[in-house]
Amino acid sequence: MKTFSTLFISFVLLVFTSCNNNQKIEFEVTSQQIYKEYQDNEVAADAKYKDKRIKVIGTIISFDKSMGVNYCYIGSTGDFIGEVRCAMSEDFVKQAGNYQKGQTISLEGKCIGRSFTGVVNLE
């Protein structure tokens, strides 16, 4: 079995067609970094990240589907809090079977802030 701990794969994950594929990435952060910033000061984190295109690097925790939207959750291995949730594009959904929990990837999308459950969301 291959070790994926140093493998970084970039995906553009967009759900809504109104998103601009050519939008510049304004920040590149780890999932732990952005989650901590939101935990420390949600107002400041929103001012910094919300509605901006960002790249988040983390370890795949899970994939799921909620209300017809497919999501990829990333974070740090063994950390069930501190997750970043990204809505998956149809292209990524078709390839999701090629990826496994524990694999490190980077996800790109527009930050929409933190949900009431504490998860930082990208679309």
C-alpha atoms as a PDB file:
ATOM      1  CA  MET A   1       0.000   0.000   0.000  1.00  0.00           C
ATOM      2  CA  LYS A   2       1.322   3.416  -0.920  1.00  0.00           C
ATOM      3  CA  THR A   3       1.945   6.038   1.723  1.00  0.00           C
ATOM      4  CA  PHE A   4      -0.026   9.145   0.976  1.00  0.00           C
ATOM      5  CA  SER A   5       1.157  11.309   3.871  1.00  0.00           C
ATOM      6  CA  THR A   6       3.272  13.541   1.636  1.00  0.00           C
ATOM      7  CA  LEU A   7       1.090  13.447  -1.439  1.00  0.00           C
ATOM      8  CA  PHE A   8      -0.679  16.697  -2.189  1.00  0.00           C
ATOM      9  CA  ILE A   9      -3.382  16.717  -4.838  1.00  0.00           C
ATOM     10  CA  SER A  10      -5.089  19.915  -5.864  1.00  0.00           C
ATOM     11  CA  PHE A  11      -8.681  20.039  -6.887  1.00  0.00           C
ATOM     12  CA  VAL A  12     -10.942  22.879  -7.799  1.00  0.00           C
ATOM     13  CA  LEU A  13     -14.104  22.069  -5.919  1.00  0.00           C
ATOM     14  CA  LEU A  14     -17.045  24.119  -7.078  1.00  0.00           C
ATOM     15  CA  VAL A  15     -20.721  23.407  -6.680  1.00  0.00           C
ATOM     16  CA  PHE A  16     -22.344  26.556  -7.955  1.00  0.00           C
ATOM     17  CA  THR A  17     -21.891  27.616 -11.560  1.00  0.00           C
ATOM     18  CA  SER A  18     -21.746  31.244 -10.431  1.00  0.00           C
ATOM     19  CA  CYS A  19     -18.292  30.618  -8.934  1.00  0.00           C
ATOM     20  CA  ASN A  20     -15.442  31.989 -11.011  1.00  0.00           C
ATOM     21  CA  ASN A  21     -12.924  29.278 -11.990  1.00  0.00           C
ATOM     22  CA  ASN A  22     -10.326  31.955 -12.748  1.00  0.00           C
ATOM     23  CA  GLN A  23     -10.540  33.618  -9.356  1.00  0.00           C
ATOM     24  CA  LYS A  24      -7.148  34.041  -7.711  1.00  0.00           C
ATOM     25  CA  ILE A  25      -6.379  32.059  -4.558  1.00  0.00           C
ATOM     26  CA  GLU A  26      -5.974  34.641  -1.807  1.00  0.00           C
ATOM     27  CA  PHE A  27      -4.781  32.357   1.008  1.00  0.00           C
ATOM     28  CA  GLU A  28      -3.164  28.938   1.369  1.00  0.00           C
ATOM     29  CA  VAL A  29      -3.562  27.410   4.832  1.00  0.00           C
ATOM     30  CA  THR A  30      -3.664  24.068   6.591  1.00  0.00           C
ATOM     31  CA  SER A  31      -6.988  22.777   7.868  1.00  0.00           C
ATOM     32  CA  GLN A  32      -5.658  23.071  11.433  1.00  0.00           C
ATOM     33  CA  GLN A  33      -4.612  26.703  10.905  1.00  0.00           C
ATOM     34  CA  ILE A  34      -7.941  27.941   9.533  1.00  0.00           C
ATOM     35  CA  TYR A  35      -9.935  25.979  12.097  1.00  0.00           C
ATOM     36  CA  LYS A  36      -7.850  27.456  14.948  1.00  0.00           C
ATOM     37  CA  GLU A  37      -8.317  30.960  13.581  1.00  0.00           C
ATOM     38  CA  TYR A  38     -12.092  30.432  13.530  1.00  0.00           C
ATOM     39  CA  GLN A  39     -12.019  28.985  17.070  1.00  0.00           C
ATOM     40  CA  ASP A  40      -9.902  31.858  18.395  1.00  0.00           C
ATOM     41  CA  ASN A  41     -11.897  34.683  16.793  1.00  0.00           C
ATOM     42  CA  GLU A  42     -14.677  33.927  14.330  1.00  0.00           C
ATOM     43  CA  VAL A  43     -15.258  37.614  13.535  1.00  0.00           C
ATOM     44  CA  ALA A  44     -11.598  38.167  12.596  1.00  0.00           C
ATOM     45  CA  ALA A  45     -11.459  34.883  10.636  1.00  0.00           C
ATOM     46  CA  ASP A  46     -14.568  35.838   8.655  1.00  0.00           C
ATOM     47  CA  ALA A  47     -13.048  39.243   7.879  1.00  0.00           C
ATOM     48  CA  LYS A  48      -9.909  37.511   6.627  1.00  0.00           C
ATOM     49  CA  TYR A  49     -11.312  34.479   4.746  1.00  0.00           C
ATOM     50  CA  LYS A  50     -15.072  34.738   4.127  1.00  0.00           C
ATOM     51  CA  ASP A  51     -16.091  35.055   0.462  1.00  0.00           C
ATOM     52  CA  LYS A  52     -12.458  34.655  -0.609  1.00  0.00           C
ATOM     53  CA  ARG A  53     -11.009  31.814  -2.647  1.00  0.00           C
ATOM     54  CA  ILE A  54      -8.625  29.766  -0.526  1.00  0.00           C
ATOM     55  CA  LYS A  55      -6.607  26.563  -0.701  1.00  0.00           C
ATOM     56  CA  VAL A  56      -6.766  24.343   2.376  1.00  0.00           C
ATOM     57  CA  ILE A  57      -4.368  21.429   2.919  1.00  0.00           C
ATOM     58  CA  GLY A  58      -5.355  18.565   5.186  1.00  0.00           C
ATOM     59  CA  THR A  59      -5.923  14.856   5.642  1.00  0.00           C
ATOM     60  CA  ILE A  60      -9.101  13.236   4.310  1.00  0.00           C
ATOM     61  CA  ILE A  61     -11.359  12.384   7.238  1.00  0.00           C
ATOM     62  CA  SER A  62     -14.454  11.320   5.320  1.00  0.00           C
ATOM     63  CA  PHE A  63     -16.772  11.747   2.369  1.00  0.00           C
ATOM     64  CA  ASP A  64     -20.523  12.092   2.748  1.00  0.00           C
ATOM     65  CA  LYS A  65     -23.673  13.353   1.103  1.00  0.00           C
ATOM     66  CA  SER A  66     -26.159  15.706   2.732  1.00  0.00           C
ATOM     67  CA  MET A  67     -29.283  17.120   1.123  1.00  0.00           C
ATOM     68  CA  GLY A  68     -28.039  16.094  -2.323  1.00  0.00           C
ATOM     69  CA  VAL A  69     -24.575  17.697  -1.962  1.00  0.00           C
ATOM     70  CA  ASN A  70     -21.398  15.600  -1.812  1.00  0.00           C
ATOM     71  CA  TYR A  71     -18.777  16.703   0.697  1.00  0.00           C
ATOM     72  CA  CYS A  72     -15.151  15.949   1.481  1.00  0.00           C
ATOM     73  CA  TYR A  73     -14.043  16.541   5.081  1.00  0.00           C
ATOM     74  CA  ILE A  74     -10.391  17.218   5.791  1.00  0.00           C
ATOM     75  CA  GLY A  75      -8.538  17.802   9.034  1.00  0.00           C
ATOM     76  CA  SER A  76      -5.693  16.182  10.873  1.00  0.00           C
ATOM     77  CA  THR A  77      -5.353  12.471  11.517  1.00  0.00           C
ATOM     78  CA  GLY A  78      -7.042  11.495  14.774  1.00  0.00           C
ATOM     79  CA  ASP A  79      -8.669  14.906  15.195  1.00  0.00           C
ATOM     80  CA  PHE A  80     -12.440  14.686  14.951  1.00  0.00           C
ATOM     81  CA  ILE A  81     -12.813  18.385  15.562  1.00  0.00           C
ATOM     82  CA  GLY A  82     -11.114  20.985  13.489  1.00  0.00           C
ATOM     83  CA  GLU A  83     -12.634  19.828  10.250  1.00  0.00           C
ATOM     84  CA  VAL A  84     -12.955  21.719   6.998  1.00  0.00           C
ATOM     85  CA  ARG A  85     -15.866  20.674   4.776  1.00  0.00           C
ATOM     86  CA  CYS A  86     -15.782  21.287   1.046  1.00  0.00           C
ATOM     87  CA  ALA A  87     -18.622  20.731  -1.402  1.00  0.00           C
ATOM     88  CA  MET A  88     -17.312  18.473  -4.164  1.00  0.00           C
ATOM     89  CA  SER A  89     -17.599  19.275  -7.859  1.00  0.00           C
ATOM     90  CA  GLU A  90     -19.100  16.647 -10.145  1.00  0.00           C
ATOM     91  CA  ASP A  91     -15.612  15.971 -11.558  1.00  0.00           C
ATOM     92  CA  PHE A  92     -14.270  15.262  -8.092  1.00  0.00           C
ATOM     93  CA  VAL A  93     -17.262  13.064  -7.236  1.00  0.00           C
ATOM     94  CA  LYS A  94     -16.449  10.882 -10.249  1.00  0.00           C
ATOM     95  CA  GLN A  95     -12.876  10.438  -8.953  1.00  0.00           C
ATOM     96  CA  ALA A  96     -13.636  10.210  -5.206  1.00  0.00           C
ATOM     97  CA  GLY A  97     -13.256   6.429  -5.235  1.00  0.00           C
ATOM     98  CA  ASN A  98      -9.549   6.913  -5.999  1.00  0.00           C
ATOM     99  CA  TYR A  99      -8.928   8.596  -2.633  1.00  0.00           C
ATOM    100  CA  GLN A 100      -8.811   7.194   0.867  1.00  0.00           C
ATOM    101  CA  LYS A 101      -9.168   8.374   4.445  1.00  0.00           C
ATOM    102  CA  GLY A 102      -5.797   9.452   5.748  1.00  0.00           C
ATOM    103  CA  GLN A 103      -4.593  10.750   2.389  1.00  0.00           C
ATOM    104  CA  THR A 104      -3.336  14.352   2.373  1.00  0.00           C
ATOM    105  CA  ILE A 105      -4.899  16.618  -0.253  1.00  0.00           C
ATOM    106  CA  SER A 106      -5.458  20.282  -0.930  1.00  0.00           C
ATOM    107  CA  LEU A 107      -8.913  21.658  -1.628  1.00  0.00           C
ATOM    108  CA  GLU A 108      -9.738  24.962  -3.279  1.00  0.00           C
ATOM    109  CA  GLY A 109     -12.955  26.892  -2.933  1.00  0.00           C
ATOM    110  CA  LYS A 110     -14.706  29.976  -1.627  1.00  0.00           C
ATOM    111  CA  CYS A 111     -14.783  30.143   2.166  1.00  0.00           C
ATOM    112  CA  ILE A 112     -18.322  30.565   3.438  1.00  0.00           C
ATOM    113  CA  GLY A 113     -17.405  30.631   7.128  1.00  0.00           C
ATOM    114  CA  ARG A 114     -18.047  28.348  10.058  1.00  0.00           C
ATOM    115  CA  SER A 115     -21.266  26.434  10.598  1.00  0.00           C
ATOM    116  CA  PHE A 116     -23.110  26.152  13.914  1.00  0.00           C
ATOM    117  CA  THR A 117     -21.432  22.738  14.357  1.00  0.00           C
ATOM    118  CA  GLY A 118     -17.992  24.350  14.178  1.00  0.00           C
ATOM    119  CA  VAL A 119     -16.989  23.032  10.755  1.00  0.00           C
ATOM    120  CA  VAL A 120     -15.298  25.539   8.414  1.00  0.00           C
ATOM    121  CA  ASN A 121     -17.050  25.410   5.026  1.00  0.00           C
ATOM    122  CA  LEU A 122     -15.823  25.848   1.454  1.00  0.00           C
ATOM    123  CA  GLU A 123     -17.930  25.794  -1.675  1.00  0.00           C
END
